[in-house]
Amino acid sequence: MMTVFAIFNLGGGEIVLILLLVLILFGAKKIPELAKGLGQGIKEFKKATNEVTNELHNAMDDNRYTPAKSIEPPKTPAESVPTQQTAATTPPVEPQAKA
């Protein structure tokens, strides 16, 4: 706690003066409410920070890569088309003679 005040180069007298001003400005009844609101705000901020950090770690760890399916070679025309009689394979029909 003292390191925080050392950053601002505050001594004991300055800290007491600041606390006394806060007490005068807000009153004894408001200070606990302000502290509670400040604590809840810090709690929500930490929660949001942890959620973002966890989401980033999960995204980096997630292995969504799936290898491509193997592609089968194309079938030959005889394998892909069922056997059907076409004009080329149908025997020619001879005309019947009229009597």
N, C-alpha and C. Protein backbone atom coordinates (compact mmCIF):
# COMPACT_ATOMS: atom_id res chain seq x y z
N MET A 1 0.82 -1.18 0.00
CA MET A 1 0.00 0.00 0.00
C MET A 1 0.87 1.25 0.00
N MET A 2 1.96 1.19 0.71
CA MET A 2 2.83 2.35 0.79
C MET A 2 3.52 2.62 -0.54
N THR A 3 3.69 1.58 -1.38
CA THR A 3 4.32 1.82 -2.68
C THR A 3 3.44 2.68 -3.57
N VAL A 4 2.12 2.56 -3.42
CA VAL A 4 1.20 3.38 -4.20
C VAL A 4 1.39 4.85 -3.83
N PHE A 5 1.47 5.12 -2.55
CA PHE A 5 1.65 6.50 -2.11
C PHE A 5 3.06 7.01 -2.44
N ALA A 6 4.02 6.10 -2.51
CA ALA A 6 5.39 6.50 -2.84
C ALA A 6 5.47 6.94 -4.30
N ILE A 7 4.63 6.38 -5.14
CA ILE A 7 4.61 6.77 -6.55
C ILE A 7 4.22 8.24 -6.67
N PHE A 8 3.26 8.67 -5.86
CA PHE A 8 2.80 10.05 -5.91
C PHE A 8 3.60 10.96 -4.98
N ASN A 9 4.58 10.39 -4.29
CA ASN A 9 5.45 11.13 -3.38
C ASN A 9 4.62 11.82 -2.29
N LEU A 10 3.71 11.06 -1.66
CA LEU A 10 2.86 11.59 -0.60
C LEU A 10 3.38 11.12 0.75
N GLY A 11 3.38 12.02 1.69
CA GLY A 11 3.76 11.68 3.06
C GLY A 11 2.54 11.41 3.89
N GLY A 12 2.74 11.14 5.17
CA GLY A 12 1.64 10.83 6.09
C GLY A 12 0.69 12.00 6.26
N GLY A 13 1.22 13.21 6.37
CA GLY A 13 0.37 14.39 6.55
C GLY A 13 -0.53 14.64 5.36
N GLU A 14 -0.01 14.46 4.16
CA GLU A 14 -0.83 14.67 2.95
C GLU A 14 -1.94 13.64 2.84
N ILE A 15 -1.65 12.41 3.23
CA ILE A 15 -2.66 11.34 3.16
C ILE A 15 -3.79 11.64 4.14
N VAL A 16 -3.45 12.05 5.33
CA VAL A 16 -4.47 12.39 6.33
C VAL A 16 -5.31 13.56 5.84
N LEU A 17 -4.70 14.55 5.24
CA LEU A 17 -5.44 15.70 4.70
C LEU A 17 -6.41 15.28 3.60
N ILE A 18 -5.97 14.41 2.72
CA ILE A 18 -6.85 13.93 1.63
C ILE A 18 -8.02 13.15 2.21
N LEU A 19 -7.77 12.27 3.17
CA LEU A 19 -8.85 11.49 3.77
C LEU A 19 -9.84 12.39 4.51
N LEU A 20 -9.33 13.42 5.16
CA LEU A 20 -10.20 14.37 5.85
C LEU A 20 -11.08 15.15 4.86
N LEU A 21 -10.51 15.55 3.73
CA LEU A 21 -11.30 16.24 2.69
C LEU A 21 -12.38 15.33 2.11
N VAL A 22 -12.04 14.07 1.88
CA VAL A 22 -13.04 13.12 1.37
C VAL A 22 -14.16 12.96 2.38
N LEU A 23 -13.82 12.87 3.65
CA LEU A 23 -14.83 12.72 4.69
C LEU A 23 -15.75 13.95 4.76
N ILE A 24 -15.18 15.12 4.62
CA ILE A 24 -15.98 16.35 4.66
C ILE A 24 -16.87 16.47 3.42
N LEU A 25 -16.32 16.17 2.26
CA LEU A 25 -17.09 16.31 1.01
C LEU A 25 -18.23 15.32 0.92
N PHE A 26 -17.98 14.06 1.23
CA PHE A 26 -18.99 13.03 1.00
C PHE A 26 -19.76 12.65 2.26
N GLY A 27 -19.24 12.88 3.40
CA GLY A 27 -19.92 12.50 4.63
C GLY A 27 -19.65 11.06 4.99
N ALA A 28 -19.90 10.75 6.26
CA ALA A 28 -19.59 9.42 6.77
C ALA A 28 -20.52 8.35 6.20
N LYS A 29 -21.73 8.74 5.82
CA LYS A 29 -22.68 7.75 5.30
C LYS A 29 -22.41 7.39 3.83
N LYS A 30 -21.86 8.32 3.08
CA LYS A 30 -21.65 8.09 1.66
C LYS A 30 -20.36 7.32 1.36
N ILE A 31 -19.38 7.42 2.22
CA ILE A 31 -18.07 6.79 1.95
C ILE A 31 -18.18 5.28 1.79
N PRO A 32 -18.92 4.54 2.65
CA PRO A 32 -19.05 3.09 2.42
C PRO A 32 -19.74 2.75 1.10
N GLU A 33 -20.74 3.55 0.74
CA GLU A 33 -21.43 3.32 -0.54
C GLU A 33 -20.49 3.54 -1.71
N LEU A 34 -19.68 4.60 -1.64
CA LEU A 34 -18.71 4.87 -2.71
C LEU A 34 -17.67 3.76 -2.79
N ALA A 35 -17.21 3.29 -1.65
CA ALA A 35 -16.22 2.22 -1.63
C ALA A 35 -16.81 0.92 -2.19
N LYS A 36 -18.08 0.66 -1.85
CA LYS A 36 -18.75 -0.54 -2.37
C LYS A 36 -18.89 -0.46 -3.89
N GLY A 37 -19.30 0.68 -4.39
CA GLY A 37 -19.42 0.86 -5.85
C GLY A 37 -18.09 0.74 -6.55
N LEU A 38 -17.06 1.31 -5.93
CA LEU A 38 -15.71 1.21 -6.51
C LEU A 38 -15.24 -0.25 -6.54
N GLY A 39 -15.51 -0.97 -5.45
CA GLY A 39 -15.14 -2.40 -5.38
C GLY A 39 -15.86 -3.22 -6.43
N GLN A 40 -17.15 -2.97 -6.62
CA GLN A 40 -17.91 -3.70 -7.64
C GLN A 40 -17.41 -3.38 -9.04
N GLY A 41 -17.06 -2.12 -9.26
CA GLY A 41 -16.52 -1.74 -10.57
C GLY A 41 -15.20 -2.43 -10.86
N ILE A 42 -14.34 -2.51 -9.87
CA ILE A 42 -13.06 -3.19 -10.05
C ILE A 42 -13.29 -4.68 -10.29
N LYS A 43 -14.24 -5.27 -9.56
CA LYS A 43 -14.56 -6.69 -9.71
C LYS A 43 -15.05 -6.98 -11.14
N GLU A 44 -15.95 -6.15 -11.65
CA GLU A 44 -16.46 -6.33 -13.01
C GLU A 44 -15.35 -6.17 -14.05
N PHE A 45 -14.46 -5.21 -13.82
CA PHE A 45 -13.36 -4.99 -14.75
C PHE A 45 -12.44 -6.20 -14.78
N LYS A 46 -12.12 -6.76 -13.63
CA LYS A 46 -11.26 -7.96 -13.58
C LYS A 46 -11.94 -9.14 -14.26
N LYS A 47 -13.26 -9.28 -14.04
CA LYS A 47 -14.01 -10.37 -14.65
C LYS A 47 -13.98 -10.26 -16.17
N ALA A 48 -14.20 -9.06 -16.69
CA ALA A 48 -14.18 -8.86 -18.14
C ALA A 48 -12.78 -9.10 -18.70
N THR A 49 -11.76 -8.67 -17.97
CA THR A 49 -10.39 -8.89 -18.41
C THR A 49 -10.06 -10.38 -18.47
N ASN A 50 -10.49 -11.12 -17.45
CA ASN A 50 -10.24 -12.57 -17.43
C ASN A 50 -10.99 -13.28 -18.56
N GLU A 51 -12.22 -12.85 -18.84
CA GLU A 51 -12.99 -13.46 -19.93
C GLU A 51 -12.30 -13.24 -21.27
N VAL A 52 -11.82 -12.04 -21.50
CA VAL A 52 -11.14 -11.75 -22.77
C VAL A 52 -9.86 -12.56 -22.87
N THR A 53 -9.11 -12.64 -21.77
CA THR A 53 -7.86 -13.41 -21.77
C THR A 53 -8.15 -14.89 -22.03
N ASN A 54 -9.15 -15.44 -21.37
CA ASN A 54 -9.51 -16.85 -21.58
C ASN A 54 -9.96 -17.10 -23.02
N GLU A 55 -10.72 -16.18 -23.57
CA GLU A 55 -11.19 -16.33 -24.95
C GLU A 55 -10.01 -16.33 -25.92
N LEU A 56 -9.03 -15.47 -25.69
CA LEU A 56 -7.86 -15.44 -26.56
C LEU A 56 -7.05 -16.73 -26.43
N HIS A 57 -6.88 -17.23 -25.21
CA HIS A 57 -6.15 -18.48 -25.02
C HIS A 57 -6.88 -19.65 -25.68
N ASN A 58 -8.21 -19.69 -25.54
CA ASN A 58 -8.99 -20.76 -26.16
C ASN A 58 -8.90 -20.69 -27.68
N ALA A 59 -8.90 -19.49 -28.22
CA ALA A 59 -8.82 -19.34 -29.68
C ALA A 59 -7.46 -19.80 -30.20
N MET A 60 -6.41 -19.54 -29.42
CA MET A 60 -5.08 -19.97 -29.86
C MET A 60 -4.90 -21.47 -29.71
N ASP A 61 -5.54 -22.07 -28.71
CA ASP A 61 -5.39 -23.50 -28.46
C ASP A 61 -6.32 -24.35 -29.31
N ASP A 62 -7.35 -23.75 -29.84
CA ASP A 62 -8.37 -24.49 -30.58
C ASP A 62 -7.81 -24.98 -31.91
N ASN A 63 -7.88 -26.28 -32.11
CA ASN A 63 -7.41 -26.85 -33.38
C ASN A 63 -8.61 -27.12 -34.26
N ARG A 64 -9.00 -26.12 -34.97
CA ARG A 64 -10.16 -26.29 -35.85
C ARG A 64 -9.76 -26.75 -37.25
N TYR A 65 -8.48 -26.93 -37.47
CA TYR A 65 -8.03 -27.35 -38.79
C TYR A 65 -8.39 -28.81 -39.00
N THR A 66 -9.07 -29.08 -40.06
CA THR A 66 -9.36 -30.47 -40.42
C THR A 66 -8.74 -30.72 -41.78
N PRO A 67 -8.02 -31.82 -41.92
CA PRO A 67 -7.38 -32.09 -43.20
C PRO A 67 -8.43 -32.27 -44.30
N ALA A 68 -8.04 -31.92 -45.49
CA ALA A 68 -8.95 -32.04 -46.63
C ALA A 68 -9.23 -33.50 -46.92
N LYS A 69 -10.43 -33.77 -47.37
CA LYS A 69 -10.78 -35.14 -47.72
C LYS A 69 -10.01 -35.54 -48.97
N SER A 70 -9.67 -36.82 -49.02
CA SER A 70 -8.93 -37.28 -50.19
C SER A 70 -9.86 -37.29 -51.40
N ILE A 71 -9.34 -36.87 -52.49
CA ILE A 71 -10.11 -36.79 -53.73
C ILE A 71 -9.89 -38.07 -54.51
N GLU A 72 -10.98 -38.71 -54.88
CA GLU A 72 -10.88 -39.95 -55.65
C GLU A 72 -10.58 -39.61 -57.11
N PRO A 73 -9.81 -40.45 -57.76
CA PRO A 73 -9.54 -40.19 -59.18
C PRO A 73 -10.83 -40.31 -59.98
N PRO A 74 -10.93 -39.59 -61.08
CA PRO A 74 -12.16 -39.66 -61.89
C PRO A 74 -12.35 -41.07 -62.45
N LYS A 75 -13.59 -41.47 -62.53
CA LYS A 75 -13.91 -42.80 -63.07
C LYS A 75 -13.81 -42.77 -64.59
N THR A 76 -13.51 -43.93 -65.14
CA THR A 76 -13.47 -44.03 -66.60
C THR A 76 -14.90 -43.98 -67.12
N PRO A 77 -15.11 -43.61 -68.35
CA PRO A 77 -16.48 -43.52 -68.88
C PRO A 77 -17.25 -44.83 -68.74
N ALA A 78 -16.60 -45.97 -68.86
CA ALA A 78 -17.30 -47.25 -68.76
C ALA A 78 -17.80 -47.48 -67.34
N GLU A 79 -17.08 -47.00 -66.35
CA GLU A 79 -17.49 -47.19 -64.97
C GLU A 79 -18.55 -46.19 -64.54
N SER A 80 -18.52 -45.00 -65.08
CA SER A 80 -19.42 -43.97 -64.61
C SER A 80 -20.79 -44.00 -65.27
N VAL A 81 -20.90 -44.51 -66.50
CA VAL A 81 -22.17 -44.53 -67.21
C VAL A 81 -22.73 -45.95 -67.18
N PRO A 82 -23.96 -46.13 -66.74
CA PRO A 82 -24.54 -47.48 -66.76
C PRO A 82 -24.73 -47.95 -68.20
N THR A 83 -24.72 -49.25 -68.35
CA THR A 83 -24.82 -49.82 -69.70
C THR A 83 -26.21 -49.55 -70.26
N GLN A 84 -26.23 -48.84 -71.36
CA GLN A 84 -27.49 -48.54 -72.05
C GLN A 84 -27.26 -48.80 -73.53
N GLN A 85 -28.32 -49.21 -74.19
CA GLN A 85 -28.20 -49.38 -75.62
C GLN A 85 -28.42 -48.03 -76.28
N THR A 86 -27.50 -47.68 -77.10
CA THR A 86 -27.60 -46.43 -77.84
C THR A 86 -27.65 -46.77 -79.31
N ALA A 87 -27.74 -45.78 -80.12
CA ALA A 87 -27.81 -45.99 -81.57
C ALA A 87 -26.55 -46.67 -82.08
N ALA A 88 -25.44 -46.43 -81.45
CA ALA A 88 -24.18 -47.03 -81.89
C ALA A 88 -24.11 -48.51 -81.53
N THR A 89 -24.75 -48.93 -80.46
CA THR A 89 -24.68 -50.33 -80.04
C THR A 89 -25.91 -51.13 -80.44
N THR A 90 -26.99 -50.48 -80.89
CA THR A 90 -28.20 -51.18 -81.30
C THR A 90 -28.01 -51.71 -82.73
N PRO A 91 -28.34 -52.98 -82.94
CA PRO A 91 -28.21 -53.50 -84.32
C PRO A 91 -29.21 -52.80 -85.25
N PRO A 92 -28.78 -52.57 -86.46
CA PRO A 92 -29.71 -51.89 -87.41
C PRO A 92 -30.92 -52.79 -87.71
N VAL A 93 -32.04 -52.14 -87.87
CA VAL A 93 -33.29 -52.85 -88.19
C VAL A 93 -33.49 -52.76 -89.69
N GLU A 94 -33.64 -53.91 -90.28
CA GLU A 94 -33.87 -53.95 -91.75
C GLU A 94 -35.34 -53.70 -92.04
N PRO A 95 -35.61 -52.91 -93.08
CA PRO A 95 -37.01 -52.65 -93.43
C PRO A 95 -37.70 -53.93 -93.92
N GLN A 96 -38.95 -54.06 -93.58
CA GLN A 96 -39.70 -55.22 -94.02
C GLN A 96 -40.24 -54.98 -95.42
N ALA A 97 -40.21 -56.03 -96.18
CA ALA A 97 -40.70 -55.93 -97.55
C ALA A 97 -42.23 -55.98 -97.56
N LYS A 98 -42.85 -55.15 -98.41
CA LYS A 98 -44.29 -55.11 -98.49
C LYS A 98 -44.75 -56.17 -99.48
N ALA A 99 -45.72 -56.88 -99.19
CA ALA A 99 -46.19 -57.93 -100.08
C ALA A 99 -47.37 -57.52 -100.88
